[in-house]
Protein backbone atom coordinates (compact mmCIF):
# COMPACT_ATOMS: atom_id res chain seq x y z
CA UNK A 1 0.00 0.00 0.00
CA UNK A 2 1.20 3.50 -0.80
CA UNK A 3 1.93 5.37 2.46
CA UNK A 4 1.12 8.64 0.74
CA UNK A 5 -2.52 7.62 0.40
CA UNK A 6 -4.87 9.57 2.62
CA UNK A 7 -7.23 6.70 3.45
CA UNK A 8 -8.72 8.65 6.36
CA UNK A 9 -9.23 11.74 4.19
CA UNK A 10 -7.35 14.01 6.61
CA UNK A 11 -7.08 16.73 3.97
CA UNK A 12 -10.86 17.01 3.89
CA UNK A 13 -11.02 16.80 7.69
CA UNK A 14 -8.57 19.69 7.90
CA UNK A 15 -10.67 21.71 5.44
CA UNK A 16 -13.81 21.07 7.52
CA UNK A 17 -12.06 22.06 10.74
CA UNK A 18 -10.89 25.31 9.15
CA UNK A 19 -14.44 25.98 7.89
CA UNK A 20 -15.77 25.27 11.38
CA UNK A 21 -13.34 27.75 12.93
CA UNK A 22 -14.18 30.41 10.35
CA UNK A 23 -17.96 29.90 10.60
CA UNK A 24 -18.40 29.44 14.36
CA UNK A 25 -19.84 32.57 15.93
CA UNK A 26 -18.34 31.62 19.29
CA UNK A 27 -14.85 32.26 17.92
CA UNK A 28 -13.75 35.86 18.23
CA UNK A 29 -11.94 37.39 15.27
CA UNK A 30 -8.72 37.34 17.29
CA UNK A 31 -9.10 33.65 18.19
CA UNK A 32 -9.82 32.80 14.54
CA UNK A 33 -6.58 34.53 13.52
CA UNK A 34 -4.64 32.69 16.22
CA UNK A 35 -6.18 29.30 15.35
CA UNK A 36 -5.55 29.68 11.63
CA UNK A 37 -2.04 31.00 12.26
CA UNK A 38 -1.44 27.97 14.47
CA UNK A 39 -2.57 25.69 11.63
CA UNK A 40 -0.16 27.42 9.27
CA UNK A 41 2.69 27.13 11.77
CA UNK A 42 2.08 23.40 12.25
CA UNK A 43 2.13 22.80 8.51
CA UNK A 44 5.27 24.93 8.06
CA UNK A 45 6.96 22.79 10.72
CA UNK A 46 5.97 19.73 8.67
CA UNK A 47 3.63 18.38 11.36
CA UNK A 48 1.45 15.70 9.79
CA UNK A 49 -2.02 16.64 8.60
CA UNK A 50 -3.49 14.07 11.00
CA UNK A 51 -1.71 15.65 14.00
CA UNK A 52 -2.65 19.13 12.76
CA UNK A 53 -6.30 18.04 12.68
CA UNK A 54 -6.03 16.74 16.23
CA UNK A 55 -4.48 19.99 17.45
CA UNK A 56 -7.18 22.06 15.74
CA UNK A 57 -9.82 19.93 17.43
CA UNK A 58 -8.14 20.85 20.71
CA UNK A 59 -8.24 24.54 19.73
CA UNK A 60 -11.99 24.29 19.04
CA UNK A 61 -12.52 22.59 22.41
CA UNK A 62 -10.37 25.18 24.15
CA UNK A 63 -12.36 28.02 22.61
CA UNK A 64 -15.58 26.41 23.81
CA UNK A 65 -14.19 26.00 27.35
CA UNK A 66 -13.12 29.64 27.42
CA UNK A 67 -16.60 30.67 26.23
CA UNK A 68 -15.09 32.84 23.53
CA UNK A 69 -12.54 34.49 25.85
CA UNK A 70 -9.58 35.59 23.77
CA UNK A 71 -6.67 33.17 23.89
CA UNK A 72 -4.24 36.05 24.26
CA UNK A 73 -5.70 37.05 27.63
CA UNK A 74 -5.71 33.50 29.00
CA UNK A 75 -3.06 33.00 31.61
CA UNK A 76 -1.30 30.07 33.19
CA UNK A 77 -3.96 29.78 35.91
CA UNK A 78 -6.71 29.52 33.26
CA UNK A 79 -4.89 26.67 31.51
CA UNK A 80 -4.14 24.87 34.79
CA UNK A 81 -7.84 25.07 35.73
CA UNK A 82 -8.82 23.59 32.36
CA UNK A 83 -6.37 20.72 32.78
CA UNK A 84 -7.54 20.05 36.34
CA UNK A 85 -11.20 20.06 35.25
CA UNK A 86 -10.36 17.76 32.35
CA UNK A 87 -8.50 15.33 34.61
CA UNK A 88 -11.44 15.19 37.05
CA UNK A 89 -13.93 14.57 34.26
CA UNK A 90 -15.17 11.30 32.81
CA UNK A 91 -13.32 11.92 29.56
CA UNK A 92 -11.32 9.00 28.21
CA UNK A 93 -7.67 8.66 29.13
CA UNK A 94 -6.78 9.19 25.47
CA UNK A 95 -8.56 12.54 25.49
CA UNK A 96 -6.96 13.54 28.78
CA UNK A 97 -3.56 12.68 27.35
CA UNK A 98 -4.28 15.28 24.66
CA UNK A 99 -4.06 17.94 27.35
CA UNK A 100 -0.28 17.65 27.00
CA UNK A 101 -0.63 20.26 24.26
CA UNK A 102 -2.00 22.73 26.82
CA UNK A 103 0.72 21.87 29.30
CA UNK A 104 3.35 22.70 26.71
CA UNK A 105 1.70 26.06 26.13
CA UNK A 106 2.14 27.09 29.75
CA UNK A 107 5.29 25.03 30.48
CA UNK A 108 3.76 23.10 33.39
PDB file of N, CA and C in Angstrom:
ATOM      1  N   UNK A   1       0.850  -1.181   0.000  1.00  0.00           N
ATOM      2  CA  UNK A   1       0.000   0.000   0.000  1.00  0.00           C
ATOM      3  C   UNK A   1       0.893   1.241   0.000  1.00  0.00           C
ATOM      4  N   UNK A   2       0.473   2.239  -0.715  1.00  0.00           N
ATOM      5  CA  UNK A   2       1.203   3.503  -0.796  1.00  0.00           C
ATOM      6  C   UNK A   2       0.966   4.313   0.474  1.00  0.00           C
ATOM      7  N   UNK A   3       2.058   4.631   1.197  1.00  0.00           N
ATOM      8  CA  UNK A   3       1.925   5.365   2.455  1.00  0.00           C
ATOM      9  C   UNK A   3       1.428   6.785   2.240  1.00  0.00           C
ATOM     10  N   UNK A   4       1.549   7.283   1.024  1.00  0.00           N
ATOM     11  CA  UNK A   4       1.119   8.645   0.735  1.00  0.00           C
ATOM     12  C   UNK A   4      -0.398   8.749   0.590  1.00  0.00           C
ATOM     13  N   UNK A   5      -1.062   7.595   0.519  1.00  0.00           N
ATOM     14  CA  UNK A   5      -2.516   7.620   0.402  1.00  0.00           C
ATOM     15  C   UNK A   5      -3.135   8.185   1.673  1.00  0.00           C
ATOM     16  N   UNK A   6      -4.167   8.959   1.483  1.00  0.00           N
ATOM     17  CA  UNK A   6      -4.873   9.568   2.617  1.00  0.00           C
ATOM     18  C   UNK A   6      -6.168   8.792   2.829  1.00  0.00           C
ATOM     19  N   UNK A   7      -6.044   7.560   3.340  1.00  0.00           N
ATOM     20  CA  UNK A   7      -7.225   6.698   3.454  1.00  0.00           C
ATOM     21  C   UNK A   7      -8.245   7.224   4.452  1.00  0.00           C
ATOM     22  N   UNK A   8      -7.801   8.083   5.369  1.00  0.00           N
ATOM     23  CA  UNK A   8      -8.718   8.651   6.356  1.00  0.00           C
ATOM     24  C   UNK A   8      -9.233  10.015   5.929  1.00  0.00           C
ATOM     25  N   UNK A   9      -8.801  10.472   4.766  1.00  0.00           N
ATOM     26  CA  UNK A   9      -9.227  11.743   4.188  1.00  0.00           C
ATOM     27  C   UNK A   9      -8.951  12.914   5.136  1.00  0.00           C
ATOM     28  N   UNK A  10      -7.739  12.954   5.684  1.00  0.00           N
ATOM     29  CA  UNK A  10      -7.355  14.012   6.610  1.00  0.00           C
ATOM     30  C   UNK A  10      -7.349  15.381   5.948  1.00  0.00           C
ATOM     31  N   UNK A  11      -7.062  15.420   4.655  1.00  0.00           N
ATOM     32  CA  UNK A  11      -7.082  16.727   3.972  1.00  0.00           C
ATOM     33  C   UNK A  11      -8.479  17.331   4.048  1.00  0.00           C
ATOM     34  N   UNK A  12      -9.487  16.518   3.808  1.00  0.00           N
ATOM     35  CA  UNK A  12     -10.863  17.012   3.891  1.00  0.00           C
ATOM     36  C   UNK A  12     -11.227  17.336   5.335  1.00  0.00           C
ATOM     37  N   UNK A  13     -10.768  16.526   6.273  1.00  0.00           N
ATOM     38  CA  UNK A  13     -11.021  16.795   7.687  1.00  0.00           C
ATOM     39  C   UNK A  13     -10.434  18.138   8.078  1.00  0.00           C
ATOM     40  N   UNK A  14      -9.213  18.410   7.616  1.00  0.00           N
ATOM     41  CA  UNK A  14      -8.566  19.688   7.905  1.00  0.00           C
ATOM     42  C   UNK A  14      -9.375  20.838   7.310  1.00  0.00           C
ATOM     43  N   UNK A  15      -9.847  20.669   6.076  1.00  0.00           N
ATOM     44  CA  UNK A  15     -10.672  21.705   5.440  1.00  0.00           C
ATOM     45  C   UNK A  15     -11.932  21.971   6.261  1.00  0.00           C
ATOM     46  N   UNK A  16     -12.579  20.907   6.727  1.00  0.00           N
ATOM     47  CA  UNK A  16     -13.809  21.068   7.521  1.00  0.00           C
ATOM     48  C   UNK A  16     -13.532  21.739   8.849  1.00  0.00           C
ATOM     49  N   UNK A  17     -12.415  21.411   9.476  1.00  0.00           N
ATOM     50  CA  UNK A  17     -12.064  22.065  10.743  1.00  0.00           C
ATOM     51  C   UNK A  17     -11.820  23.554  10.531  1.00  0.00           C
ATOM     52  N   UNK A  18     -11.140  23.898   9.455  1.00  0.00           N
ATOM     53  CA  UNK A  18     -10.893  25.311   9.150  1.00  0.00           C
ATOM     54  C   UNK A  18     -12.215  26.023   8.890  1.00  0.00           C
ATOM     55  N   UNK A  19     -13.114  25.391   8.135  1.00  0.00           N
ATOM     56  CA  UNK A  19     -14.437  25.980   7.885  1.00  0.00           C
ATOM     57  C   UNK A  19     -15.179  26.181   9.201  1.00  0.00           C
ATOM     58  N   UNK A  20     -15.088  25.200  10.069  1.00  0.00           N
ATOM     59  CA  UNK A  20     -15.767  25.273  11.377  1.00  0.00           C
ATOM     60  C   UNK A  20     -15.246  26.446  12.199  1.00  0.00           C
ATOM     61  N   UNK A  21     -13.930  26.625  12.200  1.00  0.00           N
ATOM     62  CA  UNK A  21     -13.343  27.750  12.934  1.00  0.00           C
ATOM     63  C   UNK A  21     -13.810  29.063  12.333  1.00  0.00           C
ATOM     64  N   UNK A  22     -13.795  29.164  11.024  1.00  0.00           N
ATOM     65  CA  UNK A  22     -14.184  30.407  10.355  1.00  0.00           C
ATOM     66  C   UNK A  22     -15.661  30.729  10.546  1.00  0.00           C
ATOM     67  N   UNK A  23     -16.505  29.689  10.583  1.00  0.00           N
ATOM     68  CA  UNK A  23     -17.956  29.899  10.605  1.00  0.00           C
ATOM     69  C   UNK A  23     -18.579  29.929  12.000  1.00  0.00           C
ATOM     70  N   UNK A  24     -17.840  29.495  13.014  1.00  0.00           N
ATOM     71  CA  UNK A  24     -18.400  29.439  14.359  1.00  0.00           C
ATOM     72  C   UNK A  24     -18.471  30.839  14.954  1.00  0.00           C
ATOM     73  N   UNK A  25     -19.659  31.247  15.354  1.00  0.00           N
ATOM     74  CA  UNK A  25     -19.843  32.574  15.925  1.00  0.00           C
ATOM     75  C   UNK A  25     -19.166  32.705  17.284  1.00  0.00           C
ATOM     76  N   UNK A  26     -18.960  31.588  17.985  1.00  0.00           N
ATOM     77  CA  UNK A  26     -18.338  31.621  19.291  1.00  0.00           C
ATOM     78  C   UNK A  26     -16.851  31.925  19.257  1.00  0.00           C
ATOM     79  N   UNK A  27     -16.264  31.912  18.074  1.00  0.00           N
ATOM     80  CA  UNK A  27     -14.854  32.264  17.916  1.00  0.00           C
ATOM     81  C   UNK A  27     -14.749  33.759  17.669  1.00  0.00           C
ATOM     82  N   UNK A  28     -13.987  34.440  18.495  1.00  0.00           N
ATOM     83  CA  UNK A  28     -13.746  35.858  18.235  1.00  0.00           C
ATOM     84  C   UNK A  28     -12.839  35.980  17.016  1.00  0.00           C
ATOM     85  N   UNK A  29     -12.807  37.146  16.422  1.00  0.00           N
ATOM     86  CA  UNK A  29     -11.944  37.388  15.266  1.00  0.00           C
ATOM     87  C   UNK A  29     -10.488  37.116  15.638  1.00  0.00           C
ATOM     88  N   UNK A  30     -10.096  37.543  16.842  1.00  0.00           N
ATOM     89  CA  UNK A  30      -8.717  37.335  17.292  1.00  0.00           C
ATOM     90  C   UNK A  30      -8.404  35.850  17.436  1.00  0.00           C
ATOM     91  N   UNK A  31      -9.332  35.080  18.017  1.00  0.00           N
ATOM     92  CA  UNK A  31      -9.100  33.648  18.186  1.00  0.00           C
ATOM     93  C   UNK A  31      -9.056  32.930  16.842  1.00  0.00           C
ATOM     94  N   UNK A  32      -9.865  33.388  15.886  1.00  0.00           N
ATOM     95  CA  UNK A  32      -9.817  32.800  14.542  1.00  0.00           C
ATOM     96  C   UNK A  32      -8.441  33.019  13.930  1.00  0.00           C
ATOM     97  N   UNK A  33      -7.911  34.232  14.060  1.00  0.00           N
ATOM     98  CA  UNK A  33      -6.582  34.529  13.517  1.00  0.00           C
ATOM     99  C   UNK A  33      -5.520  33.654  14.178  1.00  0.00           C
ATOM    100  N   UNK A  34      -5.616  33.511  15.487  1.00  0.00           N
ATOM    101  CA  UNK A  34      -4.645  32.694  16.223  1.00  0.00           C
ATOM    102  C   UNK A  34      -4.752  31.234  15.791  1.00  0.00           C
ATOM    103  N   UNK A  35      -5.973  30.706  15.712  1.00  0.00           N
ATOM    104  CA  UNK A  35      -6.180  29.303  15.348  1.00  0.00           C
ATOM    105  C   UNK A  35      -5.671  29.015  13.937  1.00  0.00           C
ATOM    106  N   UNK A  36      -5.981  29.902  13.003  1.00  0.00           N
ATOM    107  CA  UNK A  36      -5.553  29.678  11.627  1.00  0.00           C
ATOM    108  C   UNK A  36      -4.048  29.889  11.471  1.00  0.00           C
ATOM    109  N   UNK A  37      -3.494  30.810  12.241  1.00  0.00           N
ATOM    110  CA  UNK A  37      -2.043  30.996  12.258  1.00  0.00           C
ATOM    111  C   UNK A  37      -1.350  29.774  12.838  1.00  0.00           C
ATOM    112  N   UNK A  38      -1.959  29.181  13.855  1.00  0.00           N
ATOM    113  CA  UNK A  38      -1.439  27.969  14.475  1.00  0.00           C
ATOM    114  C   UNK A  38      -1.422  26.836  13.453  1.00  0.00           C
ATOM    115  N   UNK A  39      -2.517  26.710  12.699  1.00  0.00           N
ATOM    116  CA  UNK A  39      -2.573  25.690  11.634  1.00  0.00           C
ATOM    117  C   UNK A  39      -1.434  25.897  10.648  1.00  0.00           C
ATOM    118  N   UNK A  40      -1.238  27.127  10.212  1.00  0.00           N
ATOM    119  CA  UNK A  40      -0.162  27.418   9.267  1.00  0.00           C
ATOM    120  C   UNK A  40       1.205  27.069   9.846  1.00  0.00           C
ATOM    121  N   UNK A  41       1.413  27.413  11.106  1.00  0.00           N
ATOM    122  CA  UNK A  41       2.690  27.128  11.768  1.00  0.00           C
ATOM    123  C   UNK A  41       2.949  25.626  11.859  1.00  0.00           C
ATOM    124  N   UNK A  42       1.922  24.861  12.183  1.00  0.00           N
ATOM    125  CA  UNK A  42       2.076  23.404  12.250  1.00  0.00           C
ATOM    126  C   UNK A  42       2.474  22.834  10.900  1.00  0.00           C
ATOM    127  N   UNK A  43       1.829  23.308   9.842  1.00  0.00           N
ATOM    128  CA  UNK A  43       2.129  22.802   8.508  1.00  0.00           C
ATOM    129  C   UNK A  43       3.512  23.239   8.046  1.00  0.00           C
ATOM    130  N   UNK A  44       3.926  24.459   8.399  1.00  0.00           N
ATOM    131  CA  UNK A  44       5.269  24.934   8.062  1.00  0.00           C
ATOM    132  C   UNK A  44       6.317  24.067   8.750  1.00  0.00           C
ATOM    133  N   UNK A  45       6.033  23.636   9.973  1.00  0.00           N
ATOM    134  CA  UNK A  45       6.963  22.793  10.721  1.00  0.00           C
ATOM    135  C   UNK A  45       6.886  21.327  10.297  1.00  0.00           C
ATOM    136  N   UNK A  46       6.112  21.067   9.235  1.00  0.00           N
ATOM    137  CA  UNK A  46       5.969  19.726   8.669  1.00  0.00           C
ATOM    138  C   UNK A  46       5.329  18.738   9.640  1.00  0.00           C
ATOM    139  N   UNK A  47       4.447  19.250  10.503  1.00  0.00           N
ATOM    140  CA  UNK A  47       3.634  18.380  11.364  1.00  0.00           C
ATOM    141  C   UNK A  47       2.618  17.706  10.445  1.00  0.00           C
ATOM    142  N   UNK A  48       2.364  16.438  10.668  1.00  0.00           N
ATOM    143  CA  UNK A  48       1.449  15.704   9.790  1.00  0.00           C
ATOM    144  C   UNK A  48       0.062  16.343   9.782  1.00  0.00           C
ATOM    145  N   UNK A  49      -0.652  16.107   8.703  1.00  0.00           N
ATOM    146  CA  UNK A  49      -2.016  16.642   8.601  1.00  0.00           C
ATOM    147  C   UNK A  49      -2.900  16.018   9.674  1.00  0.00           C
ATOM    148  N   UNK A  50      -2.693  14.735   9.963  1.00  0.00           N
ATOM    149  CA  UNK A  50      -3.491  14.072  11.000  1.00  0.00           C
ATOM    150  C   UNK A  50      -3.276  14.735  12.357  1.00  0.00           C
ATOM    151  N   UNK A  51      -2.021  15.002  12.718  1.00  0.00           N
ATOM    152  CA  UNK A  51      -1.715  15.647  14.002  1.00  0.00           C
ATOM    153  C   UNK A  51      -2.236  17.082  14.003  1.00  0.00           C
ATOM    154  N   UNK A  52      -2.132  17.769  12.870  1.00  0.00           N
ATOM    155  CA  UNK A  52      -2.653  19.132  12.759  1.00  0.00           C
ATOM    156  C   UNK A  52      -4.160  19.136  13.003  1.00  0.00           C
ATOM    157  N   UNK A  53      -4.853  18.159  12.444  1.00  0.00           N
ATOM    158  CA  UNK A  53      -6.299  18.043  12.677  1.00  0.00           C
ATOM    159  C   UNK A  53      -6.589  17.863  14.162  1.00  0.00           C
ATOM    160  N   UNK A  54      -5.827  17.002  14.789  1.00  0.00           N
ATOM    161  CA  UNK A  54      -6.031  16.742  16.229  1.00  0.00           C
ATOM    162  C   UNK A  54      -5.821  18.014  17.042  1.00  0.00           C
ATOM    163  N   UNK A  55      -4.756  18.749  16.724  1.00  0.00           N
ATOM    164  CA  UNK A  55      -4.482  19.992  17.447  1.00  0.00           C
ATOM    165  C   UNK A  55      -5.582  21.030  17.210  1.00  0.00           C
ATOM    166  N   UNK A  56      -6.102  21.106  15.998  1.00  0.00           N
ATOM    167  CA  UNK A  56      -7.183  22.061  15.739  1.00  0.00           C
ATOM    168  C   UNK A  56      -8.455  21.663  16.474  1.00  0.00           C
ATOM    169  N   UNK A  57      -8.684  20.372  16.627  1.00  0.00           N
ATOM    170  CA  UNK A  57      -9.824  19.931  17.435  1.00  0.00           C
ATOM    171  C   UNK A  57      -9.658  20.393  18.880  1.00  0.00           C
ATOM    172  N   UNK A  58      -8.419  20.347  19.366  1.00  0.00           N
ATOM    173  CA  UNK A  58      -8.144  20.853  20.713  1.00  0.00           C
ATOM    174  C   UNK A  58      -8.392  22.355  20.791  1.00  0.00           C
ATOM    175  N   UNK A  59      -8.030  23.085  19.759  1.00  0.00           N
ATOM    176  CA  UNK A  59      -8.239  24.536  19.734  1.00  0.00           C
ATOM    177  C   UNK A  59      -9.732  24.846  19.782  1.00  0.00           C
ATOM    178  N   UNK A  60     -10.530  24.096  19.036  1.00  0.00           N
ATOM    179  CA  UNK A  60     -11.986  24.294  19.041  1.00  0.00           C
ATOM    180  C   UNK A  60     -12.538  24.010  20.436  1.00  0.00           C
ATOM    181  N   UNK A  61     -12.083  22.925  21.052  1.00  0.00           N
ATOM    182  CA  UNK A  61     -12.521  22.588  22.408  1.00  0.00           C
ATOM    183  C   UNK A  61     -12.109  23.675  23.398  1.00  0.00           C
ATOM    184  N   UNK A  62     -10.878  24.136  23.260  1.00  0.00           N
ATOM    185  CA  UNK A  62     -10.369  25.176  24.148  1.00  0.00           C
ATOM    186  C   UNK A  62     -11.200  26.446  24.033  1.00  0.00           C
ATOM    187  N   UNK A  63     -11.539  26.833  22.813  1.00  0.00           N
ATOM    188  CA  UNK A  63     -12.363  28.022  22.607  1.00  0.00           C
ATOM    189  C   UNK A  63     -13.725  27.860  23.283  1.00  0.00           C
ATOM    190  N   UNK A  64     -14.277  26.667  23.178  1.00  0.00           N
ATOM    191  CA  UNK A  64     -15.582  26.405  23.806  1.00  0.00           C
ATOM    192  C   UNK A  64     -15.470  26.487  25.330  1.00  0.00           C
ATOM    193  N   UNK A  65     -14.385  25.965  25.898  1.00  0.00           N
ATOM    194  CA  UNK A  65     -14.195  26.005  27.349  1.00  0.00           C
ATOM    195  C   UNK A  65     -14.002  27.430  27.851  1.00  0.00           C
ATOM    196  N   UNK A  66     -13.349  28.241  27.044  1.00  0.00           N
ATOM    197  CA  UNK A  66     -13.118  29.644  27.420  1.00  0.00           C
ATOM    198  C   UNK A  66     -14.325  30.526  27.120  1.00  0.00           C
ATOM    199  N   UNK A  67     -15.378  29.935  26.565  1.00  0.00           N
ATOM    200  CA  UNK A  67     -16.601  30.668  26.234  1.00  0.00           C
ATOM    201  C   UNK A  67     -16.290  31.909  25.401  1.00  0.00           C
ATOM    202  N   UNK A  68     -15.409  31.745  24.430  1.00  0.00           N
ATOM    203  CA  UNK A  68     -15.085  32.844  23.530  1.00  0.00           C
ATOM    204  C   UNK A  68     -14.052  33.822  24.062  1.00  0.00           C
ATOM    205  N   UNK A  69     -13.582  33.616  25.292  1.00  0.00           N
ATOM    206  CA  UNK A  69     -12.539  34.492  25.848  1.00  0.00           C
ATOM    207  C   UNK A  69     -11.320  34.428  24.928  1.00  0.00           C
ATOM    208  N   UNK A  70     -10.722  35.565  24.665  1.00  0.00           N
ATOM    209  CA  UNK A  70      -9.578  35.589  23.767  1.00  0.00           C
ATOM    210  C   UNK A  70      -8.414  34.799  24.330  1.00  0.00           C
ATOM    211  N   UNK A  71      -7.806  33.993  23.476  1.00  0.00           N
ATOM    212  CA  UNK A  71      -6.672  33.169  23.886  1.00  0.00           C
ATOM    213  C   UNK A  71      -5.534  34.028  24.434  1.00  0.00           C
ATOM    214  N   UNK A  72      -5.358  35.191  23.864  1.00  0.00           N
ATOM    215  CA  UNK A  72      -4.243  36.053  24.260  1.00  0.00           C
ATOM    216  C   UNK A  72      -4.341  36.528  25.705  1.00  0.00           C
ATOM    217  N   UNK A  73      -5.555  36.591  26.258  1.00  0.00           N
ATOM    218  CA  UNK A  73      -5.697  37.046  27.634  1.00  0.00           C
ATOM    219  C   UNK A  73      -5.750  35.883  28.628  1.00  0.00           C
ATOM    220  N   UNK A  74      -5.757  34.660  28.107  1.00  0.00           N
ATOM    221  CA  UNK A  74      -5.712  33.496  28.997  1.00  0.00           C
ATOM    222  C   UNK A  74      -4.341  33.445  29.649  1.00  0.00           C
ATOM    223  N   UNK A  75      -4.343  33.079  30.909  1.00  0.00           N
ATOM    224  CA  UNK A  75      -3.065  33.003  31.615  1.00  0.00           C
ATOM    225  C   UNK A  75      -2.809  31.569  32.082  1.00  0.00           C
ATOM    226  N   UNK A  76      -1.700  31.391  32.730  1.00  0.00           N
ATOM    227  CA  UNK A  76      -1.296  30.073  33.195  1.00  0.00           C
ATOM    228  C   UNK A  76      -2.348  29.461  34.118  1.00  0.00           C
ATOM    229  N   UNK A  77      -2.932  30.276  34.980  1.00  0.00           N
ATOM    230  CA  UNK A  77      -3.957  29.781  35.908  1.00  0.00           C
ATOM    231  C   UNK A  77      -5.185  29.271  35.146  1.00  0.00           C
ATOM    232  N   UNK A  78      -5.568  29.964  34.069  1.00  0.00           N
ATOM    233  CA  UNK A  78      -6.709  29.516  33.257  1.00  0.00           C
ATOM    234  C   UNK A  78      -6.443  28.128  32.666  1.00  0.00           C
ATOM    235  N   UNK A  79      -5.243  27.941  32.132  1.00  0.00           N
ATOM    236  CA  UNK A  79      -4.892  26.667  31.514  1.00  0.00           C
ATOM    237  C   UNK A  79      -4.815  25.563  32.569  1.00  0.00           C
ATOM    238  N   UNK A  80      -4.226  25.868  33.715  1.00  0.00           N
ATOM    239  CA  UNK A  80      -4.142  24.867  34.787  1.00  0.00           C
ATOM    240  C   UNK A  80      -5.537  24.436  35.233  1.00  0.00           C
ATOM    241  N   UNK A  81      -6.469  25.389  35.336  1.00  0.00           N
ATOM    242  CA  UNK A  81      -7.841  25.066  35.731  1.00  0.00           C
ATOM    243  C   UNK A  81      -8.485  24.142  34.691  1.00  0.00           C
ATOM    244  N   UNK A  82      -8.266  24.441  33.412  1.00  0.00           N
ATOM    245  CA  UNK A  82      -8.816  23.586  32.357  1.00  0.00           C
ATOM    246  C   UNK A  82      -8.273  22.163  32.463  1.00  0.00           C
ATOM    247  N   UNK A  83      -6.983  22.045  32.682  1.00  0.00           N
ATOM    248  CA  UNK A  83      -6.370  20.721  32.783  1.00  0.00           C
ATOM    249  C   UNK A  83      -6.894  19.983  34.008  1.00  0.00           C
ATOM    250  N   UNK A  84      -7.017  20.675  35.131  1.00  0.00           N
ATOM    251  CA  UNK A  84      -7.545  20.052  36.345  1.00  0.00           C
ATOM    252  C   UNK A  84      -8.977  19.583  36.124  1.00  0.00           C
ATOM    253  N   UNK A  85      -9.810  20.433  35.523  1.00  0.00           N
ATOM    254  CA  UNK A  85     -11.202  20.057  35.250  1.00  0.00           C
ATOM    255  C   UNK A  85     -11.261  18.857  34.310  1.00  0.00           C
ATOM    256  N   UNK A  86     -10.385  18.859  33.302  1.00  0.00           N
ATOM    257  CA  UNK A  86     -10.358  17.758  32.350  1.00  0.00           C
ATOM    258  C   UNK A  86      -9.967  16.460  33.060  1.00  0.00           C
ATOM    259  N   UNK A  87      -8.968  16.524  33.924  1.00  0.00           N
ATOM    260  CA  UNK A  87      -8.500  15.325  34.613  1.00  0.00           C
ATOM    261  C   UNK A  87      -9.529  14.784  35.599  1.00  0.00           C
ATOM    262  N   UNK A  88     -10.387  15.637  36.134  1.00  0.00           N
ATOM    263  CA  UNK A  88     -11.443  15.195  37.047  1.00  0.00           C
ATOM    264  C   UNK A  88     -12.681  14.694  36.316  1.00  0.00           C
ATOM    265  N   UNK A  89     -12.736  14.920  35.027  1.00  0.00           N
ATOM    266  CA  UNK A  89     -13.929  14.570  34.259  1.00  0.00           C
ATOM    267  C   UNK A  89     -13.951  13.087  33.916  1.00  0.00           C
ATOM    268  N   UNK A  90     -15.019  12.693  33.249  1.00  0.00           N
ATOM    269  CA  UNK A  90     -15.174  11.303  32.814  1.00  0.00           C
ATOM    270  C   UNK A  90     -14.658  11.107  31.387  1.00  0.00           C
ATOM    271  N   UNK A  91     -13.891  12.060  30.892  1.00  0.00           N
ATOM    272  CA  UNK A  91     -13.316  11.925  29.556  1.00  0.00           C
ATOM    273  C   UNK A  91     -12.388  10.714  29.515  1.00  0.00           C
ATOM    274  N   UNK A  92     -12.209  10.163  28.347  1.00  0.00           N
ATOM    275  CA  UNK A  92     -11.322   9.001  28.209  1.00  0.00           C
ATOM    276  C   UNK A  92      -9.879   9.399  28.500  1.00  0.00           C
ATOM    277  N   UNK A  93      -9.086   8.410  28.849  1.00  0.00           N
ATOM    278  CA  UNK A  93      -7.673   8.663  29.134  1.00  0.00           C
ATOM    279  C   UNK A  93      -6.963   9.187  27.888  1.00  0.00           C
ATOM    280  N   UNK A  94      -7.376   8.714  26.726  1.00  0.00           N
ATOM    281  CA  UNK A  94      -6.780   9.188  25.471  1.00  0.00           C
ATOM    282  C   UNK A  94      -7.021  10.690  25.301  1.00  0.00           C
ATOM    283  N   UNK A  95      -8.225  11.124  25.596  1.00  0.00           N
ATOM    284  CA  UNK A  95      -8.555  12.544  25.494  1.00  0.00           C
ATOM    285  C   UNK A  95      -7.779  13.347  26.523  1.00  0.00           C
ATOM    286  N   UNK A  96      -7.704  12.847  27.729  1.00  0.00           N
ATOM    287  CA  UNK A  96      -6.957  13.542  28.778  1.00  0.00           C
ATOM    288  C   UNK A  96      -5.485  13.668  28.410  1.00  0.00           C
ATOM    289  N   UNK A  97      -4.953  12.636  27.772  1.00  0.00           N
ATOM    290  CA  UNK A  97      -3.557  12.678  27.348  1.00  0.00           C
ATOM    291  C   UNK A  97      -3.339  13.830  26.369  1.00  0.00           C
ATOM    292  N   UNK A  98      -4.364  14.172  25.605  1.00  0.00           N
ATOM    293  CA  UNK A  98      -4.276  15.279  24.663  1.00  0.00           C
ATOM    294  C   UNK A  98      -4.041  16.618  25.331  1.00  0.00           C
ATOM    295  N   UNK A  99      -4.283  16.682  26.639  1.00  0.00           N
ATOM    296  CA  UNK A  99      -4.061  17.944  27.349  1.00  0.00           C
ATOM    297  C   UNK A  99      -2.585  18.285  27.441  1.00  0.00           C
ATOM    298  N   UNK A 100      -1.714  17.366  27.025  1.00  0.00           N
ATOM    299  CA  UNK A 100      -0.280  17.651  26.999  1.00  0.00           C
ATOM    300  C   UNK A 100       0.012  18.883  26.144  1.00  0.00           C
ATOM    301  N   UNK A 101      -0.793  19.081  25.115  1.00  0.00           N
ATOM    302  CA  UNK A 101      -0.629  20.262  24.264  1.00  0.00           C
ATOM    303  C   UNK A 101      -0.775  21.521  25.103  1.00  0.00           C
ATOM    304  N   UNK A 102      -1.775  21.557  25.987  1.00  0.00           N
ATOM    305  CA  UNK A 102      -2.003  22.728  26.817  1.00  0.00           C
ATOM    306  C   UNK A 102      -0.883  22.900  27.831  1.00  0.00           C
ATOM    307  N   UNK A 103      -0.388  21.787  28.348  1.00  0.00           N
ATOM    308  CA  UNK A 103       0.719  21.865  29.298  1.00  0.00           C
ATOM    309  C   UNK A 103       1.958  22.475  28.662  1.00  0.00           C
ATOM    310  N   UNK A 104       2.202  22.127  27.421  1.00  0.00           N
ATOM    311  CA  UNK A 104       3.346  22.698  26.713  1.00  0.00           C
ATOM    312  C   UNK A 104       3.192  24.203  26.547  1.00  0.00           C
ATOM    313  N   UNK A 105       1.959  24.636  26.333  1.00  0.00           N
ATOM    314  CA  UNK A 105       1.699  26.059  26.132  1.00  0.00           C
ATOM    315  C   UNK A 105       2.113  26.865  27.352  1.00  0.00           C
ATOM    316  N   UNK A 106       1.848  26.336  28.539  1.00  0.00           N
ATOM    317  CA  UNK A 106       2.143  27.087  29.754  1.00  0.00           C
ATOM    318  C   UNK A 106       3.364  26.557  30.491  1.00  0.00           C
ATOM    319  N   UNK A 107       4.059  25.602  29.903  1.00  0.00           N
ATOM    320  CA  UNK A 107       5.290  25.026  30.484  1.00  0.00           C
ATOM    321  C   UNK A 107       5.069  24.511  31.899  1.00  0.00           C
ATOM    322  N   UNK A 108       4.056  23.676  32.060  1.00  0.00           N
ATOM    323  CA  UNK A 108       3.758  23.095  33.386  1.00  0.00           C
ATOM    324  C   UNK A 108       4.702  21.936  33.621  1.00  0.00           C
TER     325      UNK A 108
END
